């Protein structure tokens, strides 16, 4: 991840260890995926064996882990980083 935005100069890491909190966002996304996949399998396949649940959930979480990593950082940055979108510039700016 670059240190600054090439267009507006926004720093993507406001302070050291800032993104440690993004682990909680990633965990919440993983829990939501687990619930969605679990209920989907239950209703589509009429309650199969436990190994089917485990295999499907592990596969989905592993396949989407890089996406979850990226979006958890983005969501955390927008929620707690003091960033808001400025339509006049077309880029994000820091709260001042």
N, C-alpha and C. Protein backbone atom coordinates (compact mmCIF):
# COMPACT_ATOMS: atom_id res chain seq x y z
N UNK A 1 0.85 -1.18 0.00
CA UNK A 1 0.00 0.00 0.00
C UNK A 1 0.89 1.24 0.00
N UNK A 2 0.62 2.18 -0.87
CA UNK A 2 1.45 3.38 -0.90
C UNK A 2 1.27 4.21 0.37
N UNK A 3 2.27 5.00 0.69
CA UNK A 3 2.23 5.83 1.89
C UNK A 3 1.28 7.01 1.70
N UNK A 4 1.33 7.65 0.51
CA UNK A 4 0.49 8.81 0.22
C UNK A 4 -0.24 8.62 -1.10
N UNK A 5 -1.36 9.32 -1.23
CA UNK A 5 -2.11 9.35 -2.49
C UNK A 5 -1.33 10.18 -3.50
N UNK A 6 -1.22 9.68 -4.72
CA UNK A 6 -0.49 10.39 -5.76
C UNK A 6 -1.20 11.68 -6.19
N UNK A 7 -2.52 11.72 -6.06
CA UNK A 7 -3.30 12.86 -6.54
C UNK A 7 -3.37 13.98 -5.50
N UNK A 8 -3.78 13.64 -4.27
CA UNK A 8 -4.04 14.68 -3.28
C UNK A 8 -3.04 14.71 -2.13
N UNK A 9 -2.15 13.73 -2.04
CA UNK A 9 -1.15 13.71 -0.98
C UNK A 9 -1.66 13.22 0.36
N UNK A 10 -2.84 12.62 0.40
CA UNK A 10 -3.42 12.10 1.63
C UNK A 10 -2.60 10.94 2.16
N UNK A 11 -2.25 10.99 3.44
CA UNK A 11 -1.52 9.88 4.06
C UNK A 11 -2.50 8.75 4.37
N UNK A 12 -2.20 7.53 3.93
CA UNK A 12 -3.09 6.40 4.15
C UNK A 12 -2.92 5.76 5.51
N UNK A 13 -1.86 6.07 6.22
CA UNK A 13 -1.67 5.55 7.57
C UNK A 13 -1.52 6.74 8.52
N UNK A 14 -2.64 7.16 9.14
CA UNK A 14 -2.62 8.35 9.97
C UNK A 14 -1.66 8.28 11.15
N UNK A 15 -1.46 7.11 11.72
CA UNK A 15 -0.54 6.94 12.85
C UNK A 15 0.01 5.52 12.82
N UNK A 16 1.14 5.28 13.49
CA UNK A 16 1.69 3.92 13.52
C UNK A 16 0.70 2.93 14.14
N UNK A 17 0.64 1.75 13.59
CA UNK A 17 -0.23 0.66 14.06
C UNK A 17 -1.72 1.01 13.94
N UNK A 18 -2.06 1.93 13.06
CA UNK A 18 -3.45 2.37 12.90
C UNK A 18 -4.36 1.23 12.47
N UNK A 19 -3.87 0.38 11.59
CA UNK A 19 -4.74 -0.65 11.00
C UNK A 19 -4.91 -1.89 11.86
N UNK A 20 -4.39 -1.91 13.08
CA UNK A 20 -4.64 -3.05 13.95
C UNK A 20 -6.13 -3.21 14.24
N UNK A 21 -6.85 -2.13 14.30
CA UNK A 21 -8.29 -2.18 14.52
C UNK A 21 -9.06 -2.76 13.35
N UNK A 22 -8.44 -2.77 12.17
CA UNK A 22 -9.10 -3.34 10.99
C UNK A 22 -9.27 -4.86 11.13
N UNK A 23 -8.52 -5.46 12.05
CA UNK A 23 -8.69 -6.90 12.29
C UNK A 23 -10.09 -7.19 12.80
N UNK A 24 -10.66 -6.29 13.59
CA UNK A 24 -12.01 -6.48 14.10
C UNK A 24 -13.04 -6.37 12.98
N UNK A 25 -12.80 -5.48 12.05
CA UNK A 25 -13.69 -5.36 10.89
C UNK A 25 -13.60 -6.62 10.04
N UNK A 26 -12.40 -7.12 9.84
CA UNK A 26 -12.20 -8.35 9.07
C UNK A 26 -12.87 -9.53 9.76
N UNK A 27 -12.77 -9.57 11.08
CA UNK A 27 -13.43 -10.64 11.84
C UNK A 27 -14.95 -10.57 11.66
N UNK A 28 -15.52 -9.37 11.70
CA UNK A 28 -16.96 -9.21 11.51
C UNK A 28 -17.38 -9.66 10.12
N UNK A 29 -16.58 -9.35 9.11
CA UNK A 29 -16.88 -9.80 7.75
C UNK A 29 -16.82 -11.32 7.66
N UNK A 30 -15.83 -11.93 8.32
CA UNK A 30 -15.70 -13.39 8.33
C UNK A 30 -16.90 -14.05 9.00
N UNK A 31 -17.35 -13.48 10.11
CA UNK A 31 -18.52 -14.02 10.81
C UNK A 31 -19.76 -13.91 9.93
N UNK A 32 -19.92 -12.77 9.27
CA UNK A 32 -21.07 -12.60 8.37
C UNK A 32 -21.03 -13.60 7.23
N UNK A 33 -19.85 -13.81 6.64
CA UNK A 33 -19.72 -14.81 5.57
C UNK A 33 -20.03 -16.21 6.07
N UNK A 34 -19.57 -16.54 7.26
CA UNK A 34 -19.83 -17.85 7.84
C UNK A 34 -21.32 -18.08 8.03
N UNK A 35 -22.02 -17.08 8.54
CA UNK A 35 -23.46 -17.20 8.74
C UNK A 35 -24.19 -17.32 7.42
N UNK A 36 -23.82 -16.50 6.45
CA UNK A 36 -24.49 -16.53 5.14
C UNK A 36 -24.28 -17.87 4.45
N UNK A 37 -23.03 -18.36 4.43
CA UNK A 37 -22.73 -19.63 3.77
C UNK A 37 -23.40 -20.78 4.52
N UNK A 38 -23.36 -20.73 5.84
CA UNK A 38 -23.99 -21.79 6.63
C UNK A 38 -25.49 -21.90 6.39
N UNK A 39 -26.19 -20.78 6.45
CA UNK A 39 -27.63 -20.80 6.19
C UNK A 39 -27.95 -21.17 4.75
N UNK A 40 -27.12 -20.70 3.81
CA UNK A 40 -27.35 -21.05 2.40
C UNK A 40 -27.24 -22.55 2.19
N UNK A 41 -26.21 -23.15 2.76
CA UNK A 41 -26.04 -24.60 2.62
C UNK A 41 -27.19 -25.34 3.30
N UNK A 42 -27.60 -24.87 4.45
CA UNK A 42 -28.70 -25.52 5.17
C UNK A 42 -29.97 -25.54 4.34
N UNK A 43 -30.30 -24.40 3.74
CA UNK A 43 -31.56 -24.33 2.99
C UNK A 43 -31.45 -24.93 1.59
N UNK A 44 -30.31 -24.85 0.95
CA UNK A 44 -30.18 -25.38 -0.40
C UNK A 44 -30.03 -26.90 -0.40
N UNK A 45 -29.21 -27.43 0.51
CA UNK A 45 -28.92 -28.86 0.52
C UNK A 45 -29.65 -29.63 1.61
N UNK A 46 -30.58 -29.01 2.29
CA UNK A 46 -31.42 -29.66 3.30
C UNK A 46 -30.60 -30.32 4.41
N UNK A 47 -29.80 -29.51 5.09
CA UNK A 47 -29.02 -29.90 6.26
C UNK A 47 -28.09 -31.10 6.01
N UNK A 48 -27.02 -30.89 5.23
CA UNK A 48 -26.07 -31.98 4.97
C UNK A 48 -25.17 -32.25 6.19
N UNK A 49 -24.21 -33.15 6.02
CA UNK A 49 -23.28 -33.48 7.10
C UNK A 49 -22.43 -32.28 7.48
N UNK A 50 -21.82 -32.36 8.67
CA UNK A 50 -21.01 -31.25 9.18
C UNK A 50 -19.80 -30.95 8.30
N UNK A 51 -19.20 -31.97 7.69
CA UNK A 51 -18.01 -31.73 6.87
C UNK A 51 -18.32 -30.86 5.66
N UNK A 52 -19.56 -30.90 5.17
CA UNK A 52 -19.95 -30.06 4.04
C UNK A 52 -19.95 -28.59 4.47
N UNK A 53 -20.49 -28.32 5.65
CA UNK A 53 -20.47 -26.96 6.18
C UNK A 53 -19.03 -26.46 6.33
N UNK A 54 -18.21 -27.29 6.97
CA UNK A 54 -16.83 -26.90 7.25
C UNK A 54 -16.05 -26.64 5.95
N UNK A 55 -16.19 -27.55 5.00
CA UNK A 55 -15.46 -27.41 3.73
C UNK A 55 -15.90 -26.15 2.98
N UNK A 56 -17.21 -25.90 2.94
CA UNK A 56 -17.71 -24.74 2.21
C UNK A 56 -17.29 -23.43 2.88
N UNK A 57 -17.42 -23.37 4.19
CA UNK A 57 -17.08 -22.13 4.90
C UNK A 57 -15.59 -21.85 4.82
N UNK A 58 -14.76 -22.86 5.03
CA UNK A 58 -13.31 -22.67 4.95
C UNK A 58 -12.91 -22.25 3.55
N UNK A 59 -13.49 -22.87 2.53
CA UNK A 59 -13.16 -22.51 1.15
C UNK A 59 -13.54 -21.07 0.83
N UNK A 60 -14.74 -20.67 1.22
CA UNK A 60 -15.19 -19.31 0.92
C UNK A 60 -14.34 -18.28 1.66
N UNK A 61 -14.05 -18.52 2.93
CA UNK A 61 -13.26 -17.56 3.70
C UNK A 61 -11.83 -17.48 3.15
N UNK A 62 -11.25 -18.61 2.78
CA UNK A 62 -9.89 -18.58 2.21
C UNK A 62 -9.86 -17.89 0.85
N UNK A 63 -10.85 -18.14 0.02
CA UNK A 63 -10.88 -17.50 -1.30
C UNK A 63 -11.09 -15.99 -1.20
N UNK A 64 -11.83 -15.54 -0.20
CA UNK A 64 -12.12 -14.12 -0.07
C UNK A 64 -11.23 -13.41 0.95
N UNK A 65 -10.21 -14.08 1.46
CA UNK A 65 -9.39 -13.49 2.52
C UNK A 65 -8.65 -12.23 2.05
N UNK A 66 -8.12 -12.23 0.85
CA UNK A 66 -7.43 -11.03 0.38
C UNK A 66 -8.40 -9.87 0.16
N UNK A 67 -9.58 -10.17 -0.31
CA UNK A 67 -10.61 -9.15 -0.49
C UNK A 67 -11.06 -8.60 0.86
N UNK A 68 -11.25 -9.50 1.83
CA UNK A 68 -11.65 -9.06 3.17
C UNK A 68 -10.56 -8.19 3.80
N UNK A 69 -9.30 -8.55 3.59
CA UNK A 69 -8.18 -7.77 4.12
C UNK A 69 -8.21 -6.36 3.58
N UNK A 70 -8.38 -6.24 2.28
CA UNK A 70 -8.38 -4.93 1.63
C UNK A 70 -9.57 -4.08 2.06
N UNK A 71 -10.78 -4.66 2.03
CA UNK A 71 -11.96 -3.89 2.36
C UNK A 71 -12.07 -3.59 3.85
N UNK A 72 -11.53 -4.43 4.71
CA UNK A 72 -11.55 -4.11 6.13
C UNK A 72 -10.67 -2.89 6.41
N UNK A 73 -9.54 -2.78 5.73
CA UNK A 73 -8.68 -1.60 5.89
C UNK A 73 -9.36 -0.36 5.35
N UNK A 74 -10.02 -0.49 4.21
CA UNK A 74 -10.72 0.66 3.62
C UNK A 74 -11.85 1.13 4.53
N UNK A 75 -12.66 0.19 5.02
CA UNK A 75 -13.76 0.56 5.91
C UNK A 75 -13.26 1.18 7.20
N UNK A 76 -12.18 0.62 7.76
CA UNK A 76 -11.62 1.16 9.00
C UNK A 76 -11.05 2.56 8.78
N UNK A 77 -10.39 2.77 7.66
CA UNK A 77 -9.83 4.09 7.35
C UNK A 77 -10.94 5.13 7.22
N UNK A 78 -12.02 4.79 6.55
CA UNK A 78 -13.11 5.74 6.37
C UNK A 78 -13.88 5.97 7.67
N UNK A 79 -13.99 4.94 8.52
CA UNK A 79 -14.74 5.08 9.76
C UNK A 79 -13.96 5.85 10.82
N UNK A 80 -12.66 5.61 10.93
CA UNK A 80 -11.90 6.17 12.04
C UNK A 80 -10.71 7.03 11.61
N UNK A 81 -10.48 7.19 10.34
CA UNK A 81 -9.30 7.92 9.88
C UNK A 81 -9.52 9.39 9.61
N UNK A 82 -10.74 9.88 9.80
CA UNK A 82 -11.00 11.29 9.55
C UNK A 82 -10.97 11.64 8.08
N UNK A 83 -11.44 10.75 7.24
CA UNK A 83 -11.42 10.95 5.79
C UNK A 83 -12.86 11.16 5.32
N UNK A 84 -13.05 12.15 4.47
CA UNK A 84 -14.37 12.34 3.87
C UNK A 84 -14.18 12.66 2.39
N UNK A 85 -15.17 12.38 1.60
CA UNK A 85 -15.11 12.58 0.16
C UNK A 85 -15.47 14.02 -0.17
N UNK A 86 -14.66 14.67 -0.97
CA UNK A 86 -14.90 16.04 -1.41
C UNK A 86 -15.20 16.00 -2.91
N UNK A 87 -16.47 16.18 -3.26
CA UNK A 87 -16.90 16.06 -4.65
C UNK A 87 -16.31 17.15 -5.54
N UNK A 88 -15.95 18.30 -4.97
CA UNK A 88 -15.42 19.37 -5.81
C UNK A 88 -14.03 19.02 -6.35
N UNK A 89 -13.27 18.23 -5.59
CA UNK A 89 -11.95 17.80 -6.05
C UNK A 89 -12.00 16.42 -6.69
N UNK A 90 -13.01 15.63 -6.33
CA UNK A 90 -13.10 14.27 -6.83
C UNK A 90 -12.19 13.31 -6.10
N UNK A 91 -11.60 13.77 -4.99
CA UNK A 91 -10.72 12.92 -4.21
C UNK A 91 -11.07 13.05 -2.74
N UNK A 92 -10.59 12.14 -1.91
CA UNK A 92 -10.82 12.20 -0.48
C UNK A 92 -9.88 13.21 0.15
N UNK A 93 -10.34 13.87 1.19
CA UNK A 93 -9.50 14.81 1.93
C UNK A 93 -9.60 14.51 3.41
N UNK A 94 -8.61 14.95 4.17
CA UNK A 94 -8.62 14.75 5.62
C UNK A 94 -9.47 15.83 6.28
N UNK A 95 -10.11 15.46 7.41
CA UNK A 95 -10.80 16.47 8.22
C UNK A 95 -9.77 17.38 8.84
N UNK A 96 -10.06 18.64 8.87
CA UNK A 96 -9.10 19.59 9.46
C UNK A 96 -9.69 20.25 10.66
